[in-house]
Amino acid sequence: MLILTGRTRTKETESRTGISLLEHALRADVDWGFNCSRGTCARCRCYIAEGSDLLEEPTDAEWDRLGPDELDAGFRLGCQAKVARTGTIKAVNRTYF
């Protein structure tokens, strides 16, 4: 199960492996902020409240844009963070602006 919280909506959906959090949010009609979907703008930045161990390892784009401090604090880029294993994942869209 995937629980996604956008700017004004929270929706629960089934998680699918290999699909990014941003793709899940768009499919579920969650108002998730994004612009580039390449990992450079960080508008899709999100906080993983639960289930970070169910996501694939951070990408180079995430290391470049977020850095170790934010990654250690539980932040990921929704366009880069892909589901690796099913289970409960809670993600909240937290853009910088």
C-alpha atoms as a PDB file:
ATOM      1  CA  MET A   1       0.000   0.000   0.000  1.00  0.00           C
ATOM      2  CA  LEU A   2       1.169   3.478  -0.864  1.00  0.00           C
ATOM      3  CA  ILE A   3      -0.178   6.548   0.951  1.00  0.00           C
ATOM      4  CA  LEU A   4       0.644   9.755  -0.924  1.00  0.00           C
ATOM      5  CA  THR A   5       0.000  13.241   0.406  1.00  0.00           C
ATOM      6  CA  GLY A   6       0.149  16.083  -2.085  1.00  0.00           C
ATOM      7  CA  ARG A   7      -0.549  19.761  -1.563  1.00  0.00           C
ATOM      8  CA  THR A   8      -4.234  19.299  -0.696  1.00  0.00           C
ATOM      9  CA  ARG A   9      -5.044  15.609  -1.225  1.00  0.00           C
ATOM     10  CA  THR A  10      -4.065  12.329   0.373  1.00  0.00           C
ATOM     11  CA  LYS A  11      -4.767   9.097  -1.467  1.00  0.00           C
ATOM     12  CA  GLU A  12      -4.089   5.460  -0.842  1.00  0.00           C
ATOM     13  CA  THR A  13      -3.125   3.243  -3.779  1.00  0.00           C
ATOM     14  CA  GLU A  14      -1.481  -0.084  -4.498  1.00  0.00           C
ATOM     15  CA  SER A  15       2.261   0.208  -4.963  1.00  0.00           C
ATOM     16  CA  ARG A  16       3.873  -1.282  -8.047  1.00  0.00           C
ATOM     17  CA  THR A  17       7.550  -2.129  -8.189  1.00  0.00           C
ATOM     18  CA  GLY A  18       9.710  -0.230 -10.645  1.00  0.00           C
ATOM     19  CA  ILE A  19       7.379   2.791 -10.654  1.00  0.00           C
ATOM     20  CA  SER A  20       8.413   6.141  -9.138  1.00  0.00           C
ATOM     21  CA  LEU A  21       6.485   7.863  -6.382  1.00  0.00           C
ATOM     22  CA  LEU A  22       5.716  10.704  -8.791  1.00  0.00           C
ATOM     23  CA  GLU A  23       4.243   8.279 -11.344  1.00  0.00           C
ATOM     24  CA  HIS A  24       2.115   6.691  -8.614  1.00  0.00           C
ATOM     25  CA  ALA A  25       0.910  10.148  -7.507  1.00  0.00           C
ATOM     26  CA  LEU A  26      -0.025  11.183 -11.038  1.00  0.00           C
ATOM     27  CA  ARG A  27      -1.902   7.925 -11.644  1.00  0.00           C
ATOM     28  CA  ALA A  28      -3.785   8.386  -8.344  1.00  0.00           C
ATOM     29  CA  ASP A  29      -4.649  12.034  -9.155  1.00  0.00           C
ATOM     30  CA  VAL A  30      -2.692  13.389  -6.183  1.00  0.00           C
ATOM     31  CA  ASP A  31      -1.715  17.047  -6.552  1.00  0.00           C
ATOM     32  CA  TRP A  32       2.018  16.355  -6.357  1.00  0.00           C
ATOM     33  CA  GLY A  33       4.294  19.229  -7.301  1.00  0.00           C
ATOM     34  CA  PHE A  34       6.749  18.560 -10.099  1.00  0.00           C
ATOM     35  CA  ASN A  35       8.288  20.295 -13.056  1.00  0.00           C
ATOM     36  CA  CYS A  36      11.188  18.573 -14.774  1.00  0.00           C
ATOM     37  CA  SER A  37      10.793  14.883 -13.726  1.00  0.00           C
ATOM     38  CA  ARG A  38      14.577  14.429 -14.227  1.00  0.00           C
ATOM     39  CA  GLY A  39      15.740  15.099 -10.673  1.00  0.00           C
ATOM     40  CA  THR A  40      17.029  18.637 -11.170  1.00  0.00           C
ATOM     41  CA  CYS A  41      14.259  21.009 -10.041  1.00  0.00           C
ATOM     42  CA  ALA A  42      13.341  19.211  -6.759  1.00  0.00           C
ATOM     43  CA  ARG A  43       9.687  20.307  -6.915  1.00  0.00           C
ATOM     44  CA  CYS A  44       8.789  16.644  -6.393  1.00  0.00           C
ATOM     45  CA  ARG A  45      10.869  16.457  -3.196  1.00  0.00           C
ATOM     46  CA  CYS A  46       9.087  14.405  -0.566  1.00  0.00           C
ATOM     47  CA  TYR A  47       9.461  13.153   2.958  1.00  0.00           C
ATOM     48  CA  ILE A  48       9.230   9.390   3.417  1.00  0.00           C
ATOM     49  CA  ALA A  49       7.362   8.990   6.697  1.00  0.00           C
ATOM     50  CA  GLU A  50       7.309   5.195   6.489  1.00  0.00           C
ATOM     51  CA  GLY A  51       8.726   2.477   4.251  1.00  0.00           C
ATOM     52  CA  SER A  52      11.959   4.032   3.016  1.00  0.00           C
ATOM     53  CA  ASP A  53      13.504   0.542   3.040  1.00  0.00           C
ATOM     54  CA  LEU A  54      10.965  -0.483   0.378  1.00  0.00           C
ATOM     55  CA  LEU A  55      12.348   2.031  -2.128  1.00  0.00           C
ATOM     56  CA  GLU A  56      15.294   1.589  -4.474  1.00  0.00           C
ATOM     57  CA  GLU A  57      18.581   3.178  -3.422  1.00  0.00           C
ATOM     58  CA  PRO A  58      18.900   6.943  -4.063  1.00  0.00           C
ATOM     59  CA  THR A  59      19.979   7.833  -7.592  1.00  0.00           C
ATOM     60  CA  ASP A  60      22.934  10.013  -8.554  1.00  0.00           C
ATOM     61  CA  ALA A  61      20.454  12.827  -9.269  1.00  0.00           C
ATOM     62  CA  GLU A  62      19.169  12.591  -5.688  1.00  0.00           C
ATOM     63  CA  TRP A  63      22.688  12.620  -4.250  1.00  0.00           C
ATOM     64  CA  ASP A  64      23.492  15.678  -6.376  1.00  0.00           C
ATOM     65  CA  ARG A  65      20.291  17.611  -5.624  1.00  0.00           C
ATOM     66  CA  LEU A  66      19.525  16.596  -2.018  1.00  0.00           C
ATOM     67  CA  GLY A  67      22.850  15.498  -0.615  1.00  0.00           C
ATOM     68  CA  PRO A  68      23.525  13.223   2.349  1.00  0.00           C
ATOM     69  CA  ASP A  69      21.897  15.440   5.018  1.00  0.00           C
ATOM     70  CA  GLU A  70      18.470  15.493   3.381  1.00  0.00           C
ATOM     71  CA  LEU A  71      18.645  11.850   2.295  1.00  0.00           C
ATOM     72  CA  ASP A  72      19.544  10.836   5.869  1.00  0.00           C
ATOM     73  CA  ALA A  73      16.618  12.931   7.149  1.00  0.00           C
ATOM     74  CA  GLY A  74      14.199  10.899   4.997  1.00  0.00           C
ATOM     75  CA  PHE A  75      13.799  13.121   1.937  1.00  0.00           C
ATOM     76  CA  ARG A  76      13.727  11.782  -1.619  1.00  0.00           C
ATOM     77  CA  LEU A  77      12.848  13.062  -5.072  1.00  0.00           C
ATOM     78  CA  GLY A  78       9.496  11.654  -6.134  1.00  0.00           C
ATOM     79  CA  CYS A  79      10.549  11.407  -9.773  1.00  0.00           C
ATOM     80  CA  GLN A  80      13.621   9.342  -8.853  1.00  0.00           C
ATOM     81  CA  ALA A  81      12.443   7.236  -5.890  1.00  0.00           C
ATOM     82  CA  LYS A  82      11.104   3.944  -7.259  1.00  0.00           C
ATOM     83  CA  VAL A  83       9.332   1.212  -5.356  1.00  0.00           C
ATOM     84  CA  ALA A  84      11.615  -1.818  -4.982  1.00  0.00           C
ATOM     85  CA  ARG A  85       9.346  -3.999  -2.814  1.00  0.00           C
ATOM     86  CA  THR A  86       5.692  -3.834  -1.923  1.00  0.00           C
ATOM     87  CA  GLY A  87       4.602  -2.907   1.571  1.00  0.00           C
ATOM     88  CA  THR A  88       3.387   0.221   3.318  1.00  0.00           C
ATOM     89  CA  ILE A  89       5.026   3.418   2.102  1.00  0.00           C
ATOM     90  CA  LYS A  90       3.916   6.865   3.268  1.00  0.00           C
ATOM     91  CA  ALA A  91       5.243   9.828   1.297  1.00  0.00           C
ATOM     92  CA  VAL A  92       4.446  13.529   1.714  1.00  0.00           C
ATOM     93  CA  ASN A  93       5.262  16.040  -1.028  1.00  0.00           C
ATOM     94  CA  ARG A  94       7.537  18.688   0.559  1.00  0.00           C
ATOM     95  CA  THR A  95       8.818  21.141  -2.022  1.00  0.00           C
ATOM     96  CA  TYR A  96      11.269  23.898  -1.152  1.00  0.00           C
ATOM     97  CA  PHE A  97       8.881  26.554  -2.470  1.00  0.00           C
END
